[in-house]
Amino acid sequence: MTRAAQLGLVLVGGAVGGALRIGLTEAMPESSGPVPWDLLLINVVGSLALAWAVARTQAHGPWALFPAIGPGLLGGFTTFSSIACLEWSADAPLDVAAGVLLATMAAAVAAAWLGWWLGDRPPTPLDEAAVFAEENE
């Protein structure tokens, strides 16, 4: 695959990921306290999925759609930089803002570890059948 094709996949994936993030944020009820639940959910789910995608790629070999799914979709979906500029951070006491930031980071790292574990597992017979079917199309 050419670099231009990979870039195209990242661009398309990033647009879809960003739209999913905005849609999820709009679909969730407004946070009534100091915890931005939408950003926490987005970053934890995105960390799990991105770690899974990277581990799967390393465990099973190159994956043509990785640029679209990894840096594209999941890069556009996750939004750690948004935590730094939230309106609530100016109004929240420093200990609350720091606690939310630390909880977000801890949950995202734990989710990434789980995603890595899920993606790095040995291939199952179902995985091997899918590869066989793809190779013989």
N, C-alpha and C. Protein backbone atom coordinates (compact mmCIF):
# COMPACT_ATOMS: atom_id res chain seq x y z
N MET A 1 0.84 -1.17 0.00
CA MET A 1 0.00 0.00 0.00
C MET A 1 0.89 1.24 0.00
N THR A 2 0.54 2.21 -0.81
CA THR A 2 1.34 3.42 -0.90
C THR A 2 1.11 4.33 0.31
N ARG A 3 2.05 5.26 0.50
CA ARG A 3 1.91 6.22 1.61
C ARG A 3 0.67 7.08 1.41
N ALA A 4 0.37 7.43 0.15
CA ALA A 4 -0.81 8.24 -0.12
C ALA A 4 -2.09 7.49 0.26
N ALA A 5 -2.13 6.20 -0.02
CA ALA A 5 -3.30 5.39 0.35
C ALA A 5 -3.42 5.29 1.86
N GLN A 6 -2.29 5.12 2.55
CA GLN A 6 -2.32 5.06 4.00
C GLN A 6 -2.81 6.39 4.58
N LEU A 7 -2.33 7.48 4.02
CA LEU A 7 -2.77 8.80 4.49
C LEU A 7 -4.27 8.97 4.26
N GLY A 8 -4.75 8.52 3.12
CA GLY A 8 -6.18 8.58 2.85
C GLY A 8 -6.99 7.80 3.87
N LEU A 9 -6.49 6.61 4.24
CA LEU A 9 -7.17 5.81 5.25
C LEU A 9 -7.20 6.53 6.60
N VAL A 10 -6.08 7.16 6.96
CA VAL A 10 -6.03 7.91 8.23
C VAL A 10 -7.01 9.09 8.19
N LEU A 11 -7.06 9.78 7.08
CA LEU A 11 -7.97 10.93 6.97
C LEU A 11 -9.43 10.51 7.08
N VAL A 12 -9.81 9.45 6.37
CA VAL A 12 -11.20 8.98 6.43
C VAL A 12 -11.52 8.46 7.84
N GLY A 13 -10.61 7.66 8.40
CA GLY A 13 -10.82 7.14 9.75
C GLY A 13 -10.92 8.24 10.78
N GLY A 14 -10.07 9.27 10.65
CA GLY A 14 -10.09 10.39 11.59
C GLY A 14 -11.39 11.16 11.52
N ALA A 15 -11.92 11.34 10.32
CA ALA A 15 -13.20 12.04 10.17
C ALA A 15 -14.32 11.24 10.83
N VAL A 16 -14.32 9.94 10.62
CA VAL A 16 -15.36 9.09 11.23
C VAL A 16 -15.20 9.08 12.75
N GLY A 17 -13.97 8.95 13.24
CA GLY A 17 -13.72 8.94 14.69
C GLY A 17 -14.14 10.23 15.35
N GLY A 18 -13.82 11.36 14.73
CA GLY A 18 -14.23 12.65 15.28
C GLY A 18 -15.75 12.80 15.30
N ALA A 19 -16.41 12.34 14.24
CA ALA A 19 -17.87 12.40 14.21
C ALA A 19 -18.48 11.50 15.28
N LEU A 20 -17.90 10.32 15.49
CA LEU A 20 -18.40 9.43 16.55
C LEU A 20 -18.24 10.08 17.92
N ARG A 21 -17.10 10.72 18.14
CA ARG A 21 -16.87 11.39 19.43
C ARG A 21 -17.90 12.48 19.66
N ILE A 22 -18.14 13.31 18.66
CA ILE A 22 -19.12 14.39 18.80
C ILE A 22 -20.52 13.82 19.00
N GLY A 23 -20.85 12.77 18.25
CA GLY A 23 -22.17 12.14 18.41
C GLY A 23 -22.37 11.57 19.79
N LEU A 24 -21.35 10.90 20.32
CA LEU A 24 -21.45 10.33 21.67
C LEU A 24 -21.57 11.43 22.72
N THR A 25 -20.80 12.48 22.55
CA THR A 25 -20.86 13.60 23.50
C THR A 25 -22.25 14.23 23.49
N GLU A 26 -22.83 14.38 22.31
CA GLU A 26 -24.16 14.98 22.20
C GLU A 26 -25.24 14.05 22.74
N ALA A 27 -25.03 12.73 22.60
CA ALA A 27 -26.04 11.75 23.03
C ALA A 27 -26.06 11.57 24.54
N MET A 28 -24.94 11.83 25.20
CA MET A 28 -24.88 11.65 26.65
C MET A 28 -25.48 12.86 27.36
N PRO A 29 -26.12 12.61 28.50
CA PRO A 29 -26.66 13.75 29.26
C PRO A 29 -25.53 14.65 29.75
N GLU A 30 -25.86 15.90 29.93
CA GLU A 30 -24.89 16.88 30.42
C GLU A 30 -24.38 16.47 31.79
N SER A 31 -23.07 16.55 32.00
CA SER A 31 -22.50 16.22 33.31
C SER A 31 -22.98 17.23 34.34
N SER A 32 -23.49 16.72 35.45
CA SER A 32 -24.00 17.63 36.48
C SER A 32 -22.98 17.89 37.58
N GLY A 33 -21.85 17.23 37.52
CA GLY A 33 -20.84 17.42 38.55
C GLY A 33 -19.49 17.69 37.92
N PRO A 34 -18.45 17.49 38.68
CA PRO A 34 -17.11 17.80 38.18
C PRO A 34 -16.53 16.75 37.23
N VAL A 35 -17.21 15.63 37.03
CA VAL A 35 -16.66 14.56 36.20
C VAL A 35 -17.26 14.64 34.79
N PRO A 36 -16.43 14.86 33.77
CA PRO A 36 -16.92 14.87 32.39
C PRO A 36 -17.05 13.42 31.89
N TRP A 37 -18.19 12.79 32.19
CA TRP A 37 -18.36 11.36 31.91
C TRP A 37 -18.19 11.02 30.44
N ASP A 38 -18.60 11.92 29.55
CA ASP A 38 -18.46 11.62 28.13
C ASP A 38 -16.99 11.49 27.74
N LEU A 39 -16.15 12.40 28.20
CA LEU A 39 -14.72 12.32 27.87
C LEU A 39 -14.06 11.12 28.52
N LEU A 40 -14.45 10.82 29.74
CA LEU A 40 -13.90 9.65 30.42
C LEU A 40 -14.23 8.38 29.63
N LEU A 41 -15.50 8.23 29.24
CA LEU A 41 -15.92 7.05 28.48
C LEU A 41 -15.21 6.98 27.13
N ILE A 42 -15.15 8.08 26.42
CA ILE A 42 -14.50 8.11 25.12
C ILE A 42 -13.03 7.70 25.23
N ASN A 43 -12.32 8.25 26.20
CA ASN A 43 -10.90 7.95 26.32
C ASN A 43 -10.62 6.54 26.80
N VAL A 44 -11.45 6.01 27.67
CA VAL A 44 -11.24 4.65 28.16
C VAL A 44 -11.55 3.64 27.04
N VAL A 45 -12.68 3.80 26.37
CA VAL A 45 -13.03 2.90 25.27
C VAL A 45 -12.02 3.01 24.13
N GLY A 46 -11.62 4.23 23.81
CA GLY A 46 -10.64 4.43 22.74
C GLY A 46 -9.28 3.83 23.08
N SER A 47 -8.86 3.94 24.33
CA SER A 47 -7.59 3.35 24.76
C SER A 47 -7.61 1.83 24.64
N LEU A 48 -8.73 1.24 25.07
CA LEU A 48 -8.87 -0.21 24.97
C LEU A 48 -8.81 -0.65 23.50
N ALA A 49 -9.58 0.02 22.66
CA ALA A 49 -9.64 -0.37 21.25
C ALA A 49 -8.31 -0.13 20.53
N LEU A 50 -7.64 0.96 20.81
CA LEU A 50 -6.37 1.24 20.15
C LEU A 50 -5.30 0.24 20.58
N ALA A 51 -5.25 -0.08 21.85
CA ALA A 51 -4.27 -1.08 22.32
C ALA A 51 -4.57 -2.44 21.69
N TRP A 52 -5.85 -2.80 21.59
CA TRP A 52 -6.22 -4.05 20.93
C TRP A 52 -5.74 -4.06 19.48
N ALA A 53 -5.98 -2.97 18.76
CA ALA A 53 -5.60 -2.90 17.35
C ALA A 53 -4.09 -3.02 17.16
N VAL A 54 -3.32 -2.34 18.01
CA VAL A 54 -1.86 -2.41 17.90
C VAL A 54 -1.37 -3.82 18.24
N ALA A 55 -1.87 -4.39 19.32
CA ALA A 55 -1.44 -5.74 19.73
C ALA A 55 -1.85 -6.77 18.69
N ARG A 56 -3.04 -6.64 18.13
CA ARG A 56 -3.49 -7.56 17.09
C ARG A 56 -2.58 -7.50 15.87
N THR A 57 -2.20 -6.27 15.50
CA THR A 57 -1.32 -6.10 14.35
C THR A 57 0.05 -6.73 14.61
N GLN A 58 0.58 -6.56 15.81
CA GLN A 58 1.88 -7.15 16.13
C GLN A 58 1.80 -8.67 16.25
N ALA A 59 0.69 -9.18 16.78
CA ALA A 59 0.57 -10.62 16.99
C ALA A 59 0.25 -11.38 15.71
N HIS A 60 -0.49 -10.74 14.80
CA HIS A 60 -0.99 -11.46 13.62
C HIS A 60 -0.42 -10.94 12.31
N GLY A 61 0.46 -9.98 12.36
CA GLY A 61 1.05 -9.48 11.14
C GLY A 61 0.35 -8.24 10.62
N PRO A 62 0.87 -7.70 9.52
CA PRO A 62 0.33 -6.46 8.96
C PRO A 62 -1.17 -6.55 8.70
N TRP A 63 -1.83 -5.42 8.87
CA TRP A 63 -3.27 -5.31 8.71
C TRP A 63 -3.51 -4.08 7.85
N ALA A 64 -4.03 -4.28 6.66
CA ALA A 64 -4.17 -3.19 5.70
C ALA A 64 -5.03 -2.04 6.23
N LEU A 65 -6.00 -2.33 7.06
CA LEU A 65 -6.88 -1.28 7.57
C LEU A 65 -6.38 -0.62 8.84
N PHE A 66 -5.21 -1.01 9.34
CA PHE A 66 -4.72 -0.43 10.58
C PHE A 66 -4.61 1.10 10.51
N PRO A 67 -4.11 1.70 9.42
CA PRO A 67 -4.06 3.17 9.40
C PRO A 67 -5.43 3.82 9.57
N ALA A 68 -6.46 3.21 9.03
CA ALA A 68 -7.80 3.78 9.16
C ALA A 68 -8.34 3.60 10.57
N ILE A 69 -8.07 2.45 11.17
CA ILE A 69 -8.64 2.15 12.49
C ILE A 69 -7.79 2.70 13.62
N GLY A 70 -6.48 2.51 13.58
CA GLY A 70 -5.61 2.96 14.67
C GLY A 70 -5.49 4.47 14.74
N PRO A 71 -4.54 5.03 13.99
CA PRO A 71 -4.35 6.49 14.08
C PRO A 71 -5.53 7.28 13.52
N GLY A 72 -6.28 6.71 12.60
CA GLY A 72 -7.41 7.43 12.02
C GLY A 72 -8.61 7.47 12.94
N LEU A 73 -9.41 6.40 12.92
CA LEU A 73 -10.66 6.34 13.68
C LEU A 73 -10.44 6.55 15.17
N LEU A 74 -9.54 5.77 15.76
CA LEU A 74 -9.36 5.85 17.21
C LEU A 74 -8.58 7.10 17.62
N GLY A 75 -7.69 7.58 16.76
CA GLY A 75 -7.02 8.84 17.03
C GLY A 75 -8.00 10.01 16.99
N GLY A 76 -8.95 9.96 16.05
CA GLY A 76 -9.98 10.99 15.98
C GLY A 76 -11.03 10.87 17.08
N PHE A 77 -11.24 9.65 17.54
CA PHE A 77 -12.25 9.39 18.57
C PHE A 77 -11.78 9.82 19.95
N THR A 78 -10.55 9.45 20.33
CA THR A 78 -10.06 9.80 21.66
C THR A 78 -9.75 11.29 21.70
N THR A 79 -9.78 11.82 22.89
CA THR A 79 -9.68 13.27 23.02
C THR A 79 -9.06 13.69 24.34
N PHE A 80 -7.85 13.21 24.60
CA PHE A 80 -7.19 13.57 25.85
C PHE A 80 -6.93 15.06 25.95
N SER A 81 -6.68 15.71 24.83
CA SER A 81 -6.40 17.15 24.89
C SER A 81 -7.62 17.94 25.36
N SER A 82 -8.81 17.42 25.15
CA SER A 82 -10.02 18.14 25.59
C SER A 82 -10.10 18.26 27.10
N ILE A 83 -9.53 17.32 27.81
CA ILE A 83 -9.57 17.37 29.27
C ILE A 83 -8.85 18.61 29.78
N ALA A 84 -7.80 19.01 29.09
CA ALA A 84 -6.99 20.14 29.55
C ALA A 84 -7.73 21.47 29.43
N CYS A 85 -8.72 21.55 28.57
CA CYS A 85 -9.36 22.85 28.35
C CYS A 85 -10.84 22.85 28.69
N LEU A 86 -11.26 21.99 29.59
CA LEU A 86 -12.66 21.95 29.98
C LEU A 86 -13.05 23.18 30.79
N GLU A 87 -14.27 23.62 30.61
CA GLU A 87 -14.77 24.75 31.39
C GLU A 87 -14.81 24.42 32.88
N TRP A 88 -15.16 23.17 33.21
CA TRP A 88 -15.30 22.80 34.62
C TRP A 88 -13.97 22.90 35.36
N SER A 89 -12.85 22.78 34.63
CA SER A 89 -11.56 22.79 35.32
C SER A 89 -11.27 24.14 35.97
N ALA A 90 -11.81 25.21 35.40
CA ALA A 90 -11.60 26.53 36.00
C ALA A 90 -12.46 26.71 37.24
N ASP A 91 -13.63 26.06 37.25
CA ASP A 91 -14.55 26.21 38.38
C ASP A 91 -14.33 25.19 39.48
N ALA A 92 -13.74 24.06 39.12
CA ALA A 92 -13.56 22.98 40.10
C ALA A 92 -12.35 23.26 40.98
N PRO A 93 -12.42 22.85 42.24
CA PRO A 93 -11.23 22.96 43.09
C PRO A 93 -10.08 22.15 42.49
N LEU A 94 -8.88 22.56 42.77
CA LEU A 94 -7.71 21.92 42.20
C LEU A 94 -7.66 20.42 42.51
N ASP A 95 -8.02 20.04 43.74
CA ASP A 95 -7.96 18.62 44.08
C ASP A 95 -8.98 17.80 43.28
N VAL A 96 -10.15 18.37 42.99
CA VAL A 96 -11.16 17.67 42.19
C VAL A 96 -10.69 17.54 40.74
N ALA A 97 -10.20 18.64 40.17
CA ALA A 97 -9.72 18.60 38.79
C ALA A 97 -8.55 17.62 38.64
N ALA A 98 -7.63 17.62 39.60
CA ALA A 98 -6.50 16.69 39.55
C ALA A 98 -6.98 15.25 39.71
N GLY A 99 -7.96 15.04 40.58
CA GLY A 99 -8.50 13.70 40.77
C GLY A 99 -9.16 13.17 39.52
N VAL A 100 -9.93 14.01 38.82
CA VAL A 100 -10.58 13.59 37.57
C VAL A 100 -9.52 13.26 36.53
N LEU A 101 -8.51 14.10 36.43
CA LEU A 101 -7.43 13.84 35.47
C LEU A 101 -6.71 12.54 35.78
N LEU A 102 -6.37 12.31 37.03
CA LEU A 102 -5.68 11.08 37.41
C LEU A 102 -6.57 9.85 37.22
N ALA A 103 -7.85 9.96 37.55
CA ALA A 103 -8.77 8.84 37.35
C ALA A 103 -8.92 8.51 35.87
N THR A 104 -8.98 9.54 35.03
CA THR A 104 -9.08 9.32 33.59
C THR A 104 -7.84 8.61 33.08
N MET A 105 -6.69 9.07 33.50
CA MET A 105 -5.43 8.45 33.05
C MET A 105 -5.32 7.00 33.54
N ALA A 106 -5.67 6.76 34.79
CA ALA A 106 -5.58 5.41 35.34
C ALA A 106 -6.55 4.47 34.62
N ALA A 107 -7.77 4.92 34.39
CA ALA A 107 -8.76 4.08 33.71
C ALA A 107 -8.34 3.82 32.27
N ALA A 108 -7.78 4.82 31.60
CA ALA A 108 -7.34 4.64 30.22
C ALA A 108 -6.16 3.67 30.13
N VAL A 109 -5.22 3.77 31.06
CA VAL A 109 -4.08 2.84 31.07
C VAL A 109 -4.56 1.42 31.36
N ALA A 110 -5.48 1.26 32.31
CA ALA A 110 -6.01 -0.08 32.60
C ALA A 110 -6.75 -0.64 31.39
N ALA A 111 -7.53 0.19 30.71
CA ALA A 111 -8.24 -0.26 29.51
C ALA A 111 -7.26 -0.62 28.40
N ALA A 112 -6.19 0.16 28.26
CA ALA A 112 -5.18 -0.15 27.25
C ALA A 112 -4.51 -1.49 27.56
N TRP A 113 -4.23 -1.73 28.82
CA TRP A 113 -3.64 -3.02 29.18
C TRP A 113 -4.57 -4.16 28.80
N LEU A 114 -5.86 -4.01 29.10
CA LEU A 114 -6.84 -5.04 28.75
C LEU A 114 -6.92 -5.21 27.24
N GLY A 115 -6.95 -4.12 26.51
CA GLY A 115 -6.98 -4.19 25.05
C GLY A 115 -5.75 -4.88 24.50
N TRP A 116 -4.59 -4.57 25.06
CA TRP A 116 -3.35 -5.22 24.63
C TRP A 116 -3.42 -6.73 24.87
N TRP A 117 -3.90 -7.10 26.05
CA TRP A 117 -4.02 -8.52 26.38
C TRP A 117 -4.97 -9.22 25.42
N LEU A 118 -6.10 -8.59 25.12
CA LEU A 118 -7.06 -9.19 24.19
C LEU A 118 -6.50 -9.31 22.77
N GLY A 119 -5.74 -8.32 22.35
CA GLY A 119 -5.21 -8.33 20.98
C GLY A 119 -3.98 -9.19 20.81
N ASP A 120 -3.26 -9.46 21.90
CA ASP A 120 -2.01 -10.20 21.81
C ASP A 120 -2.19 -11.69 22.07
N ARG A 121 -3.41 -12.13 22.24
CA ARG A 121 -3.64 -13.55 22.52
C ARG A 121 -3.29 -14.38 21.28
N PRO A 122 -2.95 -15.63 21.48
CA PRO A 122 -2.64 -16.48 20.33
C PRO A 122 -3.87 -16.62 19.43
N PRO A 123 -3.65 -16.83 18.14
CA PRO A 123 -4.78 -17.00 17.23
C PRO A 123 -5.63 -18.21 17.63
N THR A 124 -6.93 -18.05 17.51
CA THR A 124 -7.85 -19.15 17.77
C THR A 124 -8.19 -19.82 16.44
N PRO A 125 -8.80 -20.99 16.46
CA PRO A 125 -9.22 -21.63 15.19
C PRO A 125 -10.12 -20.71 14.37
N LEU A 126 -10.94 -19.91 15.02
CA LEU A 126 -11.81 -18.99 14.29
C LEU A 126 -10.98 -17.93 13.56
N ASP A 127 -9.94 -17.42 14.23
CA ASP A 127 -9.04 -16.45 13.58
C ASP A 127 -8.37 -17.08 12.37
N GLU A 128 -7.87 -18.30 12.54
CA GLU A 128 -7.17 -18.98 11.45
C GLU A 128 -8.11 -19.26 10.29
N ALA A 129 -9.36 -19.57 10.56
CA ALA A 129 -10.34 -19.80 9.50
C ALA A 129 -10.60 -18.51 8.73
N ALA A 130 -10.65 -17.38 9.43
CA ALA A 130 -10.87 -16.10 8.77
C ALA A 130 -9.69 -15.75 7.86
N VAL A 131 -8.48 -15.99 8.32
CA VAL A 131 -7.29 -15.73 7.51
C VAL A 131 -7.29 -16.63 6.29
N PHE A 132 -7.62 -17.91 6.48
CA PHE A 132 -7.66 -18.88 5.38
C PHE A 132 -8.70 -18.42 4.34
N ALA A 133 -9.86 -18.00 4.79
CA ALA A 133 -10.91 -17.56 3.88
C ALA A 133 -10.48 -16.32 3.12
N GLU A 134 -9.80 -15.39 3.82
CA GLU A 134 -9.33 -14.16 3.17
C GLU A 134 -8.28 -14.45 2.13
N GLU A 135 -7.38 -15.37 2.41
CA GLU A 135 -6.31 -15.73 1.48
C GLU A 135 -6.83 -16.45 0.26
N ASN A 136 -7.94 -17.15 0.38
CA ASN A 136 -8.46 -17.97 -0.72
C ASN A 136 -9.63 -17.32 -1.46
N GLU A 137 -9.82 -16.03 -1.30
CA GLU A 137 -10.88 -15.34 -2.02
C GLU A 137 -10.47 -15.04 -3.42
